[in-house]
Amino acid sequence: MVTTDTVDAPRLSDAQLAEMMVLMKGSDSIELKVTVPSDEERATISGLPMDPVEAQLRQVYFFDTPDLALNQAGVVVRARRRTGGRGDTVIKLRPVVPDELPRDVRRSASFNVEIDILPGGFVCSGSLKGRCTGTDVKDAVAGTIPLRDLYTKEQRAFYAAHAPKGIDWDSLIVLGPTFVLKEKFLAPTAPPPEQPRLFAIELWLYPDGSRILELSTRCTPTETYRVGFETKAYLLRQGVSLGGLQQTKTKAALEFFQAQMAARSLKEGTPAKAVGKRVKA
């Protein structure tokens, strides 16, 4: 969330603000995010105009090497299954500088540059998205179909251009799944006649019982500061803490499954690369 000099929420430094303003000029959208402290999750959910029963269930898979070489290079390969039989994929690159991206990539209808802003930090990402079915994702994870077939020709070219040398599709293993509950709701962040703002709330559930609850809303780059202040004021009125530890969901998921794989490797006395579930390239 864009912050001011109130409460205990961390602030972006002047240098960060200057850098972000430059990146905003070439970005397509902005997502304002805040991670809710675990001991405040129940109170946060009950205080917002939402119905947890209406949440959509998602199953998220990441694909990387056992040592997370893709993540270290700023490349994220993800696939999701959603209730209703739908699925989607993404090849994400972060951080990026919008003006340095190839023109053909920027012109793609499937590509989006977005800045995620959270208390005390931000990251600019470029995402090339694709659609598939939930069955396609399930089959790719099971090895019934090649992983590369889950992604479009355009996504595969994007991957080849940015993945570290030598890390092809055959090098990747399955990291997941992580189960996610997601719901969207409208909230009055500004007085009438302003329209209510659309929020998303996501609860990421990890196999060891740990979880991350995140609130977010999107806007255009030109709306960032106004929406940021209005959103912050609304969340504070609802008792949502903006000063908790901010966690990146992708990073948390990758590190969790990497640690789980390492523990299995130690127990079985085998190399981690032999423990991880490899995908059919």
C-alpha atoms as a PDB file:
ATOM      1  CA  MET A   1       0.000   0.000   0.000  1.00  0.00           C
ATOM      2  CA  VAL A   2       1.275   3.508  -0.682  1.00  0.00           C
ATOM      3  CA  THR A   3       1.982   4.914   2.742  1.00  0.00           C
ATOM      4  CA  THR A   4       2.123   8.251   4.515  1.00  0.00           C
ATOM      5  CA  ASP A   5       3.584   9.258   7.862  1.00  0.00           C
ATOM      6  CA  THR A   6       0.959   7.509   9.987  1.00  0.00           C
ATOM      7  CA  VAL A   7       0.837   4.532  12.333  1.00  0.00           C
ATOM      8  CA  ASP A   8       3.417   1.784  12.077  1.00  0.00           C
ATOM      9  CA  ALA A   9       3.212   1.060   8.361  1.00  0.00           C
ATOM     10  CA  PRO A  10       6.641   1.070   6.663  1.00  0.00           C
ATOM     11  CA  ARG A  11       7.216   3.776   4.079  1.00  0.00           C
ATOM     12  CA  LEU A  12       8.814   3.853   0.682  1.00  0.00           C
ATOM     13  CA  SER A  13      11.993   5.896   0.747  1.00  0.00           C
ATOM     14  CA  ASP A  14      12.407   8.982  -1.430  1.00  0.00           C
ATOM     15  CA  ALA A  15      14.711   6.985  -3.697  1.00  0.00           C
ATOM     16  CA  GLN A  16      12.131   4.203  -4.011  1.00  0.00           C
ATOM     17  CA  LEU A  17       9.380   6.694  -4.821  1.00  0.00           C
ATOM     18  CA  ALA A  18      11.520   8.305  -7.524  1.00  0.00           C
ATOM     19  CA  GLU A  19      12.310   4.920  -9.079  1.00  0.00           C
ATOM     20  CA  MET A  20       8.685   3.829  -8.923  1.00  0.00           C
ATOM     21  CA  MET A  21       7.468   6.993 -10.627  1.00  0.00           C
ATOM     22  CA  VAL A  22       9.779   6.307 -13.567  1.00  0.00           C
ATOM     23  CA  LEU A  23       8.555   2.705 -13.847  1.00  0.00           C
ATOM     24  CA  MET A  24       4.915   3.777 -13.631  1.00  0.00           C
ATOM     25  CA  LYS A  25       5.223   5.694 -16.902  1.00  0.00           C
ATOM     26  CA  GLY A  26       5.722   2.459 -18.806  1.00  0.00           C
ATOM     27  CA  SER A  27       3.418   0.208 -16.754  1.00  0.00           C
ATOM     28  CA  ASP A  28      -0.046  -1.010 -17.695  1.00  0.00           C
ATOM     29  CA  SER A  29      -1.487  -1.422 -14.199  1.00  0.00           C
ATOM     30  CA  ILE A  30      -0.817  -1.091 -10.492  1.00  0.00           C
ATOM     31  CA  GLU A  31      -1.731  -3.575  -7.751  1.00  0.00           C
ATOM     32  CA  LEU A  32      -1.785  -2.294  -4.176  1.00  0.00           C
ATOM     33  CA  LYS A  33      -1.251  -5.119  -1.684  1.00  0.00           C
ATOM     34  CA  VAL A  34      -1.006  -5.726   2.038  1.00  0.00           C
ATOM     35  CA  THR A  35      -0.313  -8.941   3.936  1.00  0.00           C
ATOM     36  CA  VAL A  36      -2.437  -9.255   7.082  1.00  0.00           C
ATOM     37  CA  PRO A  37      -0.668 -10.501  10.265  1.00  0.00           C
ATOM     38  CA  SER A  38      -1.700 -14.086  11.046  1.00  0.00           C
ATOM     39  CA  ASP A  39      -3.113 -13.196  14.462  1.00  0.00           C
ATOM     40  CA  GLU A  40      -5.434 -10.642  12.858  1.00  0.00           C
ATOM     41  CA  GLU A  41      -6.763 -12.712   9.965  1.00  0.00           C
ATOM     42  CA  ARG A  42     -10.043 -13.726  11.594  1.00  0.00           C
ATOM     43  CA  ALA A  43     -10.860 -10.162  12.705  1.00  0.00           C
ATOM     44  CA  THR A  44      -9.953  -8.809   9.261  1.00  0.00           C
ATOM     45  CA  ILE A  45     -12.222 -11.229   7.415  1.00  0.00           C
ATOM     46  CA  SER A  46     -15.151 -10.589   9.764  1.00  0.00           C
ATOM     47  CA  GLY A  47     -14.756  -6.814   9.442  1.00  0.00           C
ATOM     48  CA  LEU A  48     -14.906  -6.672   5.635  1.00  0.00           C
ATOM     49  CA  PRO A  49     -18.034  -6.773   3.424  1.00  0.00           C
ATOM     50  CA  MET A  50     -17.412 -10.270   2.123  1.00  0.00           C
ATOM     51  CA  ASP A  51     -18.768 -13.784   2.462  1.00  0.00           C
ATOM     52  CA  PRO A  52     -16.059 -16.469   2.869  1.00  0.00           C
ATOM     53  CA  VAL A  53     -18.509 -19.118   1.630  1.00  0.00           C
ATOM     54  CA  GLU A  54     -18.361 -17.489  -1.812  1.00  0.00           C
ATOM     55  CA  ALA A  55     -14.580 -17.846  -2.088  1.00  0.00           C
ATOM     56  CA  GLN A  56     -13.197 -19.555  -5.194  1.00  0.00           C
ATOM     57  CA  LEU A  57     -10.829 -22.486  -4.716  1.00  0.00           C
ATOM     58  CA  ARG A  58      -7.608 -22.529  -6.704  1.00  0.00           C
ATOM     59  CA  GLN A  59      -4.749 -25.000  -6.931  1.00  0.00           C
ATOM     60  CA  VAL A  60      -1.422 -23.360  -7.759  1.00  0.00           C
ATOM     61  CA  TYR A  61       1.672 -25.075  -9.142  1.00  0.00           C
ATOM     62  CA  PHE A  62       5.115 -23.593  -9.751  1.00  0.00           C
ATOM     63  CA  PHE A  63       7.830 -25.155 -11.885  1.00  0.00           C
ATOM     64  CA  ASP A  64      11.507 -24.569 -11.172  1.00  0.00           C
ATOM     65  CA  THR A  65      14.776 -26.399 -10.609  1.00  0.00           C
ATOM     66  CA  PRO A  66      15.566 -27.976  -7.208  1.00  0.00           C
ATOM     67  CA  ASP A  67      17.825 -25.006  -6.370  1.00  0.00           C
ATOM     68  CA  LEU A  68      15.255 -22.454  -7.634  1.00  0.00           C
ATOM     69  CA  ALA A  69      17.537 -21.268 -10.422  1.00  0.00           C
ATOM     70  CA  LEU A  70      14.611 -19.737 -12.326  1.00  0.00           C
ATOM     71  CA  ASN A  71      13.456 -17.738  -9.324  1.00  0.00           C
ATOM     72  CA  GLN A  72      16.995 -16.514  -8.708  1.00  0.00           C
ATOM     73  CA  ALA A  73      17.087 -15.310 -12.315  1.00  0.00           C
ATOM     74  CA  GLY A  74      13.769 -13.510 -11.888  1.00  0.00           C
ATOM     75  CA  VAL A  75      11.696 -15.988 -13.909  1.00  0.00           C
ATOM     76  CA  VAL A  76       8.471 -17.507 -12.566  1.00  0.00           C
ATOM     77  CA  VAL A  77       6.661 -20.380 -14.292  1.00  0.00           C
ATOM     78  CA  ARG A  78       3.186 -21.006 -12.868  1.00  0.00           C
ATOM     79  CA  ALA A  79      -0.026 -22.875 -13.666  1.00  0.00           C
ATOM     80  CA  ARG A  80      -3.360 -22.804 -11.845  1.00  0.00           C
ATOM     81  CA  ARG A  81      -6.507 -24.899 -11.678  1.00  0.00           C
ATOM     82  CA  ARG A  82      -9.767 -23.232 -10.685  1.00  0.00           C
ATOM     83  CA  THR A  83     -13.200 -24.471  -9.757  1.00  0.00           C
ATOM     84  CA  GLY A  84     -15.386 -24.926 -12.806  1.00  0.00           C
ATOM     85  CA  GLY A  85     -12.732 -26.719 -14.855  1.00  0.00           C
ATOM     86  CA  ARG A  86     -10.783 -23.630 -15.868  1.00  0.00           C
ATOM     87  CA  GLY A  87      -7.038 -23.139 -15.786  1.00  0.00           C
ATOM     88  CA  ASP A  88      -4.409 -20.565 -16.663  1.00  0.00           C
ATOM     89  CA  THR A  89      -0.662 -20.234 -17.061  1.00  0.00           C
ATOM     90  CA  VAL A  90       1.907 -17.476 -16.822  1.00  0.00           C
ATOM     91  CA  ILE A  91       5.572 -16.881 -17.500  1.00  0.00           C
ATOM     92  CA  LYS A  92       6.552 -13.926 -15.338  1.00  0.00           C
ATOM     93  CA  LEU A  93       9.738 -11.882 -15.355  1.00  0.00           C
ATOM     94  CA  ARG A  94      10.682  -9.653 -12.422  1.00  0.00           C
ATOM     95  CA  PRO A  95      11.954  -7.140 -11.863  1.00  0.00           C
ATOM     96  CA  VAL A  96      11.647  -5.497 -15.261  1.00  0.00           C
ATOM     97  CA  VAL A  97      12.148  -2.011 -16.660  1.00  0.00           C
ATOM     98  CA  PRO A  98       9.230  -1.442 -19.064  1.00  0.00           C
ATOM     99  CA  ASP A  99      11.203   0.684 -21.527  1.00  0.00           C
ATOM    100  CA  GLU A 100      13.820  -2.062 -21.900  1.00  0.00           C
ATOM    101  CA  LEU A 101      11.371  -4.775 -22.964  1.00  0.00           C
ATOM    102  CA  PRO A 102      11.255  -5.795 -26.656  1.00  0.00           C
ATOM    103  CA  ARG A 103       8.581  -4.030 -28.676  1.00  0.00           C
ATOM    104  CA  ASP A 104       7.030  -7.247 -29.961  1.00  0.00           C
ATOM    105  CA  VAL A 105       6.532  -8.438 -26.371  1.00  0.00           C
ATOM    106  CA  ARG A 106       4.980  -5.137 -25.263  1.00  0.00           C
ATOM    107  CA  ARG A 107       2.572  -5.220 -28.197  1.00  0.00           C
ATOM    108  CA  SER A 108       1.268  -8.672 -27.290  1.00  0.00           C
ATOM    109  CA  ALA A 109      -2.333  -8.735 -26.038  1.00  0.00           C
ATOM    110  CA  SER A 110      -1.287 -11.449 -23.586  1.00  0.00           C
ATOM    111  CA  PHE A 111       1.480  -9.399 -21.969  1.00  0.00           C
ATOM    112  CA  ASN A 112       1.047  -7.024 -19.038  1.00  0.00           C
ATOM    113  CA  VAL A 113       3.482  -4.877 -17.059  1.00  0.00           C
ATOM    114  CA  GLU A 114       2.335  -4.325 -13.498  1.00  0.00           C
ATOM    115  CA  ILE A 115       3.830  -2.781 -10.376  1.00  0.00           C
ATOM    116  CA  ASP A 116       2.980  -4.478  -7.101  1.00  0.00           C
ATOM    117  CA  ILE A 117       3.113  -1.935  -4.271  1.00  0.00           C
ATOM    118  CA  LEU A 118       3.084  -3.010  -0.648  1.00  0.00           C
ATOM    119  CA  PRO A 119       4.015  -1.282   2.603  1.00  0.00           C
ATOM    120  CA  GLY A 120       7.693  -0.421   2.321  1.00  0.00           C
ATOM    121  CA  GLY A 121       8.390  -1.857  -1.106  1.00  0.00           C
ATOM    122  CA  PHE A 122       7.405  -2.543  -4.707  1.00  0.00           C
ATOM    123  CA  VAL A 123       8.340  -4.697  -7.685  1.00  0.00           C
ATOM    124  CA  CYS A 124       7.695  -4.235 -11.407  1.00  0.00           C
ATOM    125  CA  SER A 125       6.826  -7.442 -13.279  1.00  0.00           C
ATOM    126  CA  GLY A 126       6.138  -8.459 -16.853  1.00  0.00           C
ATOM    127  CA  SER A 127       3.667 -11.338 -17.267  1.00  0.00           C
ATOM    128  CA  LEU A 128       2.867 -13.315 -20.391  1.00  0.00           C
ATOM    129  CA  LYS A 129      -0.408 -15.130 -19.766  1.00  0.00           C
ATOM    130  CA  GLY A 130      -2.128 -18.103 -21.316  1.00  0.00           C
ATOM    131  CA  ARG A 131      -5.348 -20.040 -20.922  1.00  0.00           C
ATOM    132  CA  CYS A 132      -5.917 -23.762 -20.588  1.00  0.00           C
ATOM    133  CA  THR A 133      -8.243 -26.168 -18.824  1.00  0.00           C
ATOM    134  CA  GLY A 134      -7.898 -27.459 -15.303  1.00  0.00           C
ATOM    135  CA  THR A 135      -7.510 -30.944 -16.772  1.00  0.00           C
ATOM    136  CA  ASP A 136      -4.566 -29.748 -18.873  1.00  0.00           C
ATOM    137  CA  VAL A 137      -2.790 -28.547 -15.723  1.00  0.00           C
ATOM    138  CA  LYS A 138      -3.565 -31.788 -13.903  1.00  0.00           C
ATOM    139  CA  ASP A 139      -2.237 -33.862 -16.799  1.00  0.00           C
ATOM    140  CA  ALA A 140       0.956 -31.798 -17.109  1.00  0.00           C
ATOM    141  CA  VAL A 141       1.681 -32.172 -13.387  1.00  0.00           C
ATOM    142  CA  ALA A 142       1.043 -35.917 -13.615  1.00  0.00           C
ATOM    143  CA  GLY A 143       3.341 -36.187 -16.649  1.00  0.00           C
ATOM    144  CA  THR A 144       0.570 -37.364 -18.955  1.00  0.00           C
ATOM    145  CA  ILE A 145       1.258 -34.487 -21.328  1.00  0.00           C
ATOM    146  CA  PRO A 146       4.533 -32.559 -21.774  1.00  0.00           C
ATOM    147  CA  LEU A 147       4.826 -29.487 -19.570  1.00  0.00           C
ATOM    148  CA  ARG A 148       5.832 -27.319 -22.513  1.00  0.00           C
ATOM    149  CA  ASP A 149       2.501 -28.140 -24.214  1.00  0.00           C
ATOM    150  CA  LEU A 150       0.706 -26.393 -21.359  1.00  0.00           C
ATOM    151  CA  TYR A 151       2.181 -23.086 -22.542  1.00  0.00           C
ATOM    152  CA  THR A 152       1.628 -21.200 -25.785  1.00  0.00           C
ATOM    153  CA  LYS A 153       4.250 -20.826 -28.487  1.00  0.00           C
ATOM    154  CA  GLU A 154       4.601 -17.194 -27.447  1.00  0.00           C
ATOM    155  CA  GLN A 155       5.151 -18.161 -23.801  1.00  0.00           C
ATOM    156  CA  ARG A 156       7.742 -20.785 -24.728  1.00  0.00           C
ATOM    157  CA  ALA A 157       9.686 -18.218 -26.749  1.00  0.00           C
ATOM    158  CA  PHE A 158       9.517 -15.781 -23.818  1.00  0.00           C
ATOM    159  CA  TYR A 159      10.825 -18.495 -21.506  1.00  0.00           C
ATOM    160  CA  ALA A 160      13.675 -19.376 -23.872  1.00  0.00           C
ATOM    161  CA  ALA A 161      14.690 -15.711 -24.054  1.00  0.00           C
ATOM    162  CA  HIS A 162      14.907 -15.216 -20.286  1.00  0.00           C
ATOM    163  CA  ALA A 163      15.571 -18.556 -18.573  1.00  0.00           C
ATOM    164  CA  PRO A 164      19.207 -19.170 -17.558  1.00  0.00           C
ATOM    165  CA  LYS A 165      21.241 -21.022 -20.169  1.00  0.00           C
ATOM    166  CA  GLY A 166      20.907 -24.778 -19.913  1.00  0.00           C
ATOM    167  CA  ILE A 167      17.622 -24.768 -17.983  1.00  0.00           C
ATOM    168  CA  ASP A 168      15.128 -26.183 -20.447  1.00  0.00           C
ATOM    169  CA  TRP A 169      11.669 -27.568 -19.742  1.00  0.00           C
ATOM    170  CA  ASP A 170      13.171 -30.972 -18.939  1.00  0.00           C
ATOM    171  CA  SER A 171      15.105 -29.380 -16.045  1.00  0.00           C
ATOM    172  CA  LEU A 172      11.976 -28.354 -14.152  1.00  0.00           C
ATOM    173  CA  ILE A 173      10.238 -30.068 -11.266  1.00  0.00           C
ATOM    174  CA  VAL A 174       6.792 -29.574  -9.736  1.00  0.00           C
ATOM    175  CA  LEU A 175       6.593 -27.317  -6.679  1.00  0.00           C
ATOM    176  CA  GLY A 176       3.115 -27.608  -5.246  1.00  0.00           C
ATOM    177  CA  PRO A 177       0.275 -27.606  -5.086  1.00  0.00           C
ATOM    178  CA  THR A 178      -0.634 -24.685  -2.881  1.00  0.00           C
ATOM    179  CA  PHE A 179      -4.345 -24.290  -2.231  1.00  0.00           C
ATOM    180  CA  VAL A 180      -5.743 -20.766  -2.448  1.00  0.00           C
ATOM    181  CA  LEU A 181      -9.120 -19.341  -1.478  1.00  0.00           C
ATOM    182  CA  LYS A 182      -9.934 -16.126  -3.340  1.00  0.00           C
ATOM    183  CA  GLU A 183     -12.915 -13.795  -3.162  1.00  0.00           C
ATOM    184  CA  LYS A 184     -13.653 -10.359  -4.587  1.00  0.00           C
ATOM    185  CA  PHE A 185     -15.809  -7.737  -2.906  1.00  0.00           C
ATOM    186  CA  LEU A 186     -16.799  -4.096  -3.322  1.00  0.00           C
ATOM    187  CA  ALA A 187     -15.984  -1.559  -0.596  1.00  0.00           C
ATOM    188  CA  PRO A 188     -16.755   2.182  -0.238  1.00  0.00           C
ATOM    189  CA  THR A 189     -13.252   3.642  -0.069  1.00  0.00           C
ATOM    190  CA  ALA A 190     -14.420   7.147  -1.084  1.00  0.00           C
ATOM    191  CA  PRO A 191     -17.606   9.124  -0.427  1.00  0.00           C
ATOM    192  CA  PRO A 192     -20.417   9.143  -3.037  1.00  0.00           C
ATOM    193  CA  PRO A 193     -20.735   9.669  -5.929  1.00  0.00           C
ATOM    194  CA  GLU A 194     -17.532   7.608  -6.253  1.00  0.00           C
ATOM    195  CA  GLN A 195     -18.193   3.983  -7.130  1.00  0.00           C
ATOM    196  CA  PRO A 196     -17.218   1.294  -4.600  1.00  0.00           C
ATOM    197  CA  ARG A 197     -13.729  -0.104  -5.184  1.00  0.00           C
ATOM    198  CA  LEU A 198     -13.190  -3.761  -6.085  1.00  0.00           C
ATOM    199  CA  PHE A 199     -10.893  -5.679  -3.719  1.00  0.00           C
ATOM    200  CA  ALA A 200      -9.529  -9.209  -3.800  1.00  0.00           C
ATOM    201  CA  ILE A 201      -8.712 -11.232  -0.723  1.00  0.00           C
ATOM    202  CA  GLU A 202      -6.564 -14.361  -1.025  1.00  0.00           C
ATOM    203  CA  LEU A 203      -5.788 -16.967   1.612  1.00  0.00           C
ATOM    204  CA  TRP A 204      -2.823 -19.155   0.655  1.00  0.00           C
ATOM    205  CA  LEU A 205      -2.803 -22.461   2.548  1.00  0.00           C
ATOM    206  CA  TYR A 206       0.449 -24.400   2.816  1.00  0.00           C
ATOM    207  CA  PRO A 207       0.697 -28.131   3.603  1.00  0.00           C
ATOM    208  CA  ASP A 208       2.279 -27.520   7.025  1.00  0.00           C
ATOM    209  CA  GLY A 209      -0.715 -25.455   8.167  1.00  0.00           C
ATOM    210  CA  SER A 210       0.919 -22.044   7.657  1.00  0.00           C
ATOM    211  CA  ARG A 211      -0.942 -19.440   5.608  1.00  0.00           C
ATOM    212  CA  ILE A 212      -0.752 -15.970   4.091  1.00  0.00           C
ATOM    213  CA  LEU A 213      -3.753 -13.637   3.889  1.00  0.00           C
ATOM    214  CA  GLU A 214      -3.450 -10.828   1.366  1.00  0.00           C
ATOM    215  CA  LEU A 215      -5.734  -7.923   0.466  1.00  0.00           C
ATOM    216  CA  SER A 216      -5.290  -6.159  -2.870  1.00  0.00           C
ATOM    217  CA  THR A 217      -6.878  -3.752  -5.321  1.00  0.00           C
ATOM    218  CA  ARG A 218      -5.903  -2.682  -8.832  1.00  0.00           C
ATOM    219  CA  CYS A 219      -5.852   0.701 -10.513  1.00  0.00           C
ATOM    220  CA  THR A 220      -4.256   2.529 -13.430  1.00  0.00           C
ATOM    221  CA  PRO A 221      -0.848   4.204 -12.977  1.00  0.00           C
ATOM    222  CA  THR A 222      -2.404   7.680 -13.036  1.00  0.00           C
ATOM    223  CA  GLU A 223      -4.743   6.740 -10.163  1.00  0.00           C
ATOM    224  CA  THR A 224      -2.061   5.278  -7.914  1.00  0.00           C
ATOM    225  CA  TYR A 225      -1.659   8.010  -5.318  1.00  0.00           C
ATOM    226  CA  ARG A 226      -5.352   8.837  -4.978  1.00  0.00           C
ATOM    227  CA  VAL A 227      -6.388   5.193  -4.788  1.00  0.00           C
ATOM    228  CA  GLY A 228      -3.498   4.440  -2.448  1.00  0.00           C
ATOM    229  CA  PHE A 229      -4.499   7.080   0.094  1.00  0.00           C
ATOM    230  CA  GLU A 230      -8.199   6.241  -0.129  1.00  0.00           C
ATOM    231  CA  THR A 231      -7.518   2.531   0.235  1.00  0.00           C
ATOM    232  CA  LYS A 232      -5.197   3.032   3.167  1.00  0.00           C
ATOM    233  CA  ALA A 233      -7.730   5.205   4.956  1.00  0.00           C
ATOM    234  CA  TYR A 234     -10.483   2.626   4.353  1.00  0.00           C
ATOM    235  CA  LEU A 235      -8.408  -0.291   5.621  1.00  0.00           C
ATOM    236  CA  LEU A 236      -7.386   1.592   8.744  1.00  0.00           C
ATOM    237  CA  ARG A 237     -11.045   2.387   9.424  1.00  0.00           C
ATOM    238  CA  GLN A 238     -11.773  -1.324   9.185  1.00  0.00           C
ATOM    239  CA  GLY A 239      -9.009  -2.091  11.677  1.00  0.00           C
ATOM    240  CA  VAL A 240      -6.671  -3.721   9.135  1.00  0.00           C
ATOM    241  CA  SER A 241      -3.044  -3.505  10.224  1.00  0.00           C
ATOM    242  CA  LEU A 242      -0.626  -2.161   7.611  1.00  0.00           C
ATOM    243  CA  GLY A 243       2.462  -2.701   9.728  1.00  0.00           C
ATOM    244  CA  GLY A 244       2.738  -6.483   9.650  1.00  0.00           C
ATOM    245  CA  LEU A 245       5.446  -8.539   7.986  1.00  0.00           C
ATOM    246  CA  GLN A 246       4.944  -8.300   4.230  1.00  0.00           C
ATOM    247  CA  GLN A 247       5.402 -11.605   2.398  1.00  0.00           C
ATOM    248  CA  THR A 248       5.484 -12.429  -1.285  1.00  0.00           C
ATOM    249  CA  LYS A 249       3.181 -15.369  -1.933  1.00  0.00           C
ATOM    250  CA  THR A 250       5.268 -16.789  -4.775  1.00  0.00           C
ATOM    251  CA  LYS A 251       8.520 -16.574  -2.815  1.00  0.00           C
ATOM    252  CA  ALA A 252       6.904 -18.177   0.240  1.00  0.00           C
ATOM    253  CA  ALA A 253       5.514 -21.059  -1.825  1.00  0.00           C
ATOM    254  CA  LEU A 254       8.777 -21.753  -3.658  1.00  0.00           C
ATOM    255  CA  GLU A 255      10.829 -21.694  -0.473  1.00  0.00           C
ATOM    256  CA  PHE A 256       8.333 -23.905   1.349  1.00  0.00           C
ATOM    257  CA  PHE A 257       8.400 -26.660  -1.267  1.00  0.00           C
ATOM    258  CA  GLN A 258      12.160 -26.386  -1.686  1.00  0.00           C
ATOM    259  CA  ALA A 259      12.600 -26.885   2.090  1.00  0.00           C
ATOM    260  CA  GLN A 260      10.136 -29.771   2.029  1.00  0.00           C
ATOM    261  CA  MET A 261      12.076 -31.386  -0.802  1.00  0.00           C
ATOM    262  CA  ALA A 262      15.393 -30.901   1.025  1.00  0.00           C
ATOM    263  CA  ALA A 263      13.962 -32.528   4.154  1.00  0.00           C
ATOM    264  CA  ARG A 264      12.806 -35.537   2.152  1.00  0.00           C
ATOM    265  CA  SER A 265      16.198 -35.725   0.479  1.00  0.00           C
ATOM    266  CA  LEU A 266      17.973 -35.758   3.844  1.00  0.00           C
ATOM    267  CA  LYS A 267      15.627 -38.407   5.215  1.00  0.00           C
ATOM    268  CA  GLU A 268      15.968 -40.666   2.182  1.00  0.00           C
ATOM    269  CA  GLY A 269      19.658 -40.011   1.678  1.00  0.00           C
ATOM    270  CA  THR A 270      19.183 -39.055  -1.966  1.00  0.00           C
ATOM    271  CA  PRO A 271      20.016 -35.874  -3.914  1.00  0.00           C
ATOM    272  CA  ALA A 272      17.266 -33.255  -3.893  1.00  0.00           C
ATOM    273  CA  LYS A 273      17.027 -33.383  -7.682  1.00  0.00           C
ATOM    274  CA  ALA A 274      16.091 -37.054  -7.390  1.00  0.00           C
ATOM    275  CA  VAL A 275      13.382 -36.363  -4.804  1.00  0.00           C
ATOM    276  CA  GLY A 276      11.568 -33.602  -6.682  1.00  0.00           C
ATOM    277  CA  LYS A 277       8.799 -34.692  -9.026  1.00  0.00           C
ATOM    278  CA  ARG A 278      10.065 -34.096 -12.524  1.00  0.00           C
ATOM    279  CA  VAL A 279       7.727 -33.104 -15.298  1.00  0.00           C
ATOM    280  CA  LYS A 280       7.620 -34.491 -18.789  1.00  0.00           C
ATOM    281  CA  ALA A 281       9.091 -31.814 -21.018  1.00  0.00           C
END
